[in-house]
């Protein structure tokens, strides 16, 4: 009852905590506030369209997580917990991939500040994704699973281009980035399309059976 009554106030708590954290970083570590609050392109003094494709990919990750969280909540009255858990876990996984991509977690933060090598982080992600596919395989097979397969192949190809195949692709120069990041964007697009389609499918089935 409390959540229903005060939800309009509760939604501000995460943002307030972030603002407080920025203030603490300024006081405790003397980190300039603008480094947290300003736009990246303005702070780095680079073109506003810098990182365009990367930013679009992040928006698609965010869209996927939002859709999955919404559908998990919308299907709660059905008590079909297998489908609800599928969308909830999918939302959490997409949220992690969003954070990893947006904050360069496996590339910069984990190796630099946590001492976790990039290869280790990537291996853990691969294990988590593999376990996810195995655990929800029956549900996935009920959907347009080709889209998620395409997404997995393209994202794996992007990672391979940045790790295993990197020495052989350096000769391509800037075209290597187009190949690597192009595969990544197409993979994220396919990932988003899959969950949008799956959300529509299960939501439509719920209305049809009600």
Protein backbone atom coordinates (compact mmCIF):
# COMPACT_ATOMS: atom_id res chain seq x y z
CA UNK A 1 0.00 0.00 0.00
CA UNK A 2 2.84 2.40 0.83
CA UNK A 3 4.45 1.81 -2.57
CA UNK A 4 1.18 2.50 -4.36
CA UNK A 5 0.58 5.66 -2.35
CA UNK A 6 4.02 7.21 -2.60
CA UNK A 7 5.38 5.76 -5.85
CA UNK A 8 5.56 9.22 -7.45
CA UNK A 9 8.01 10.26 -4.73
CA UNK A 10 9.89 6.95 -4.57
CA UNK A 11 10.92 7.12 -8.24
CA UNK A 12 13.07 10.16 -7.44
CA UNK A 13 15.19 8.29 -4.88
CA UNK A 14 17.74 6.77 -7.35
CA UNK A 15 18.34 10.14 -9.02
CA UNK A 16 18.68 11.89 -5.64
CA UNK A 17 21.20 9.26 -4.51
CA UNK A 18 23.24 9.81 -7.67
CA UNK A 19 23.29 13.57 -7.10
CA UNK A 20 24.37 13.04 -3.49
CA UNK A 21 27.10 10.64 -4.68
CA UNK A 22 28.44 13.31 -7.03
CA UNK A 23 28.54 15.77 -4.12
CA UNK A 24 30.41 13.26 -1.97
CA UNK A 25 32.91 12.61 -4.77
CA UNK A 26 33.57 16.34 -4.92
CA UNK A 27 34.06 16.64 -1.15
CA UNK A 28 35.99 13.42 -0.51
CA UNK A 29 38.04 13.04 -3.70
CA UNK A 30 38.03 16.55 -5.17
CA UNK A 31 36.57 15.27 -8.43
CA UNK A 32 35.20 18.21 -10.49
CA UNK A 33 31.39 18.09 -10.55
CA UNK A 34 31.24 18.80 -14.29
CA UNK A 35 33.00 15.48 -14.98
CA UNK A 36 29.88 13.70 -13.74
CA UNK A 37 27.17 16.17 -14.68
CA UNK A 38 28.33 17.46 -18.07
CA UNK A 39 27.84 15.95 -21.52
CA UNK A 40 30.74 13.75 -22.63
CA UNK A 41 31.28 15.62 -25.89
CA UNK A 42 31.39 18.96 -24.04
CA UNK A 43 33.82 17.68 -21.39
CA UNK A 44 36.15 16.12 -23.97
CA UNK A 45 35.66 19.05 -26.38
CA UNK A 46 34.83 16.75 -29.27
CA UNK A 47 32.15 16.74 -31.96
CA UNK A 48 28.62 16.12 -30.57
CA UNK A 49 28.17 13.18 -32.97
CA UNK A 50 31.27 11.40 -31.68
CA UNK A 51 30.39 7.85 -30.67
CA UNK A 52 27.11 8.03 -32.59
CA UNK A 53 26.77 4.30 -33.32
CA UNK A 54 27.87 3.37 -29.82
CA UNK A 55 25.25 5.68 -28.31
CA UNK A 56 22.54 4.23 -30.54
CA UNK A 57 23.56 0.76 -29.37
CA UNK A 58 23.24 1.86 -25.75
CA UNK A 59 19.75 3.24 -26.47
CA UNK A 60 18.77 -0.13 -27.97
CA UNK A 61 20.08 -1.96 -24.88
CA UNK A 62 18.03 0.42 -22.75
CA UNK A 63 14.95 -0.08 -24.92
CA UNK A 64 15.28 -3.85 -24.59
CA UNK A 65 15.63 -3.72 -20.80
CA UNK A 66 12.66 -1.37 -20.51
CA UNK A 67 10.43 -3.58 -22.66
CA UNK A 68 11.36 -6.71 -20.71
CA UNK A 69 10.83 -5.10 -17.30
CA UNK A 70 7.48 -3.73 -18.46
CA UNK A 71 6.25 -7.06 -19.83
CA UNK A 72 7.40 -8.92 -16.70
CA UNK A 73 5.28 -6.53 -14.67
CA UNK A 74 2.33 -6.57 -17.07
CA UNK A 75 2.16 -10.37 -16.99
CA UNK A 76 2.33 -10.62 -13.20
CA UNK A 77 -1.48 -11.03 -12.82
CA UNK A 78 -1.32 -14.13 -15.06
CA UNK A 79 0.96 -15.87 -12.54
CA UNK A 80 2.72 -17.53 -15.45
CA UNK A 81 6.01 -17.33 -13.62
CA UNK A 82 8.04 -19.12 -16.27
CA UNK A 83 7.31 -16.34 -18.78
CA UNK A 84 7.54 -13.63 -16.12
CA UNK A 85 10.94 -14.90 -14.96
CA UNK A 86 12.09 -15.13 -18.58
CA UNK A 87 11.37 -11.47 -19.19
CA UNK A 88 12.68 -10.37 -15.80
CA UNK A 89 16.00 -12.19 -16.23
CA UNK A 90 16.19 -10.93 -19.83
CA UNK A 91 15.72 -7.40 -18.51
CA UNK A 92 18.49 -7.86 -15.94
CA UNK A 93 20.83 -9.34 -18.54
CA UNK A 94 20.12 -6.51 -20.99
CA UNK A 95 20.66 -3.98 -18.19
CA UNK A 96 24.06 -5.46 -17.42
CA UNK A 97 25.02 -5.40 -21.11
CA UNK A 98 23.85 -1.78 -21.21
CA UNK A 99 26.04 -0.87 -18.23
CA UNK A 100 28.98 -2.84 -19.61
CA UNK A 101 28.72 -1.11 -22.99
CA UNK A 102 27.98 2.39 -21.72
CA UNK A 103 30.68 2.52 -19.04
CA UNK A 104 33.25 0.35 -20.89
CA UNK A 105 33.17 -2.03 -17.93
CA UNK A 106 35.03 -5.02 -19.38
CA UNK A 107 37.39 -2.81 -21.38
CA UNK A 108 38.36 -0.13 -18.86
CA UNK A 109 36.70 -0.17 -15.44
CA UNK A 110 37.16 -3.83 -14.51
CA UNK A 111 40.85 -4.11 -15.56
CA UNK A 112 41.88 -0.68 -14.27
CA UNK A 113 39.99 -0.33 -11.00
CA UNK A 114 39.11 -3.91 -10.04
CA UNK A 115 42.09 -5.80 -11.39
CA UNK A 116 39.85 -8.11 -13.43
CA UNK A 117 41.35 -8.85 -16.88
CA UNK A 118 39.17 -8.15 -19.88
CA UNK A 119 39.31 -11.79 -21.00
CA UNK A 120 38.02 -12.94 -17.61
CA UNK A 121 35.06 -10.56 -17.73
CA UNK A 122 34.20 -11.63 -21.28
CA UNK A 123 34.42 -15.29 -20.28
CA UNK A 124 32.04 -14.71 -17.35
CA UNK A 125 29.60 -12.90 -19.65
CA UNK A 126 29.76 -15.77 -22.14
CA UNK A 127 29.08 -18.30 -19.37
CA UNK A 128 26.15 -16.26 -18.03
CA UNK A 129 24.61 -15.86 -21.51
CA UNK A 130 25.09 -19.57 -22.27
CA UNK A 131 23.42 -20.53 -19.01
CA UNK A 132 20.59 -18.08 -19.78
CA UNK A 133 19.97 -19.68 -23.19
CA UNK A 134 20.04 -23.16 -21.69
CA UNK A 135 17.72 -22.35 -18.78
CA UNK A 136 15.09 -20.63 -20.95
CA UNK A 137 15.56 -22.76 -24.08
CA UNK A 138 11.98 -24.06 -24.10
CA UNK A 139 10.50 -20.57 -23.96
CA UNK A 140 12.94 -19.24 -26.55
CA UNK A 141 12.01 -22.03 -28.95
CA UNK A 142 8.39 -20.84 -28.77
CA UNK A 143 9.41 -17.45 -30.15
CA UNK A 144 11.09 -16.06 -33.27
CA UNK A 145 14.37 -17.42 -31.94
CA UNK A 146 16.27 -16.82 -35.18
CA UNK A 147 16.57 -13.16 -34.22
CA UNK A 148 18.29 -13.96 -30.92
CA UNK A 149 20.56 -16.48 -32.66
CA UNK A 150 21.57 -13.84 -35.20
CA UNK A 151 22.17 -11.39 -32.34
CA UNK A 152 24.41 -13.87 -30.50
CA UNK A 153 26.42 -14.65 -33.65
CA UNK A 154 26.95 -10.98 -34.53
CA UNK A 155 27.89 -9.97 -30.98
CA UNK A 156 30.29 -12.92 -30.76
CA UNK A 157 31.82 -11.89 -34.10
CA UNK A 158 32.29 -8.34 -32.79
CA UNK A 159 34.04 -9.62 -29.66
CA UNK A 160 36.20 -11.97 -31.73
CA UNK A 161 37.22 -9.07 -33.99
CA UNK A 162 38.34 -7.14 -30.92
CA UNK A 163 40.21 -10.03 -29.28
CA UNK A 164 41.10 -13.25 -31.10
CA UNK A 165 41.12 -11.84 -34.64
CA UNK A 166 42.57 -8.44 -33.73
CA UNK A 167 46.17 -9.14 -34.90
CA UNK A 168 44.89 -10.23 -38.33
CA UNK A 169 42.53 -7.29 -38.73
CA UNK A 170 44.90 -4.46 -37.77
CA UNK A 171 45.94 -4.13 -41.39
CA UNK A 172 42.45 -2.94 -42.24
CA UNK A 173 43.01 0.31 -40.37
CA UNK A 174 39.79 2.21 -39.66
CA UNK A 175 37.82 -0.41 -41.59
CA UNK A 176 38.44 -2.75 -38.65
CA UNK A 177 36.30 -0.48 -36.46
CA UNK A 178 33.56 -0.45 -39.07
CA UNK A 179 33.60 -4.24 -39.19
CA UNK A 180 33.77 -4.75 -35.42
CA UNK A 181 31.36 -2.03 -34.32
CA UNK A 182 29.07 -2.58 -37.31
CA UNK A 183 28.61 -6.22 -36.31
CA UNK A 184 28.02 -5.11 -32.73
CA UNK A 185 25.32 -2.59 -33.69
CA UNK A 186 23.57 -5.13 -35.92
CA UNK A 187 23.74 -7.66 -33.10
CA UNK A 188 22.19 -5.23 -30.60
CA UNK A 189 19.51 -4.32 -33.15
CA UNK A 190 18.64 -7.99 -33.59
CA UNK A 191 18.64 -8.44 -29.79
CA UNK A 192 16.20 -5.53 -29.40
CA UNK A 193 14.00 -6.80 -32.24
CA UNK A 194 13.80 -10.27 -30.72
CA UNK A 195 12.58 -9.09 -27.33
CA UNK A 196 10.17 -6.59 -28.85
CA UNK A 197 8.69 -9.42 -30.92
CA UNK A 198 8.61 -11.81 -27.94
CA UNK A 199 6.97 -9.19 -25.74
CA UNK A 200 4.24 -8.62 -28.33
CA UNK A 201 3.74 -12.38 -28.77
CA UNK A 202 3.25 -13.19 -25.07
CA UNK A 203 1.25 -10.06 -24.33
CA UNK A 204 -1.05 -10.76 -27.29
CA UNK A 205 -1.46 -14.40 -26.21
CA UNK A 206 -2.41 -13.21 -22.73
CA UNK A 207 -5.11 -10.86 -24.05
CA UNK A 208 -6.38 -13.53 -26.47
CA UNK A 209 -6.78 -16.05 -23.64
CA UNK A 210 -8.37 -13.61 -21.19
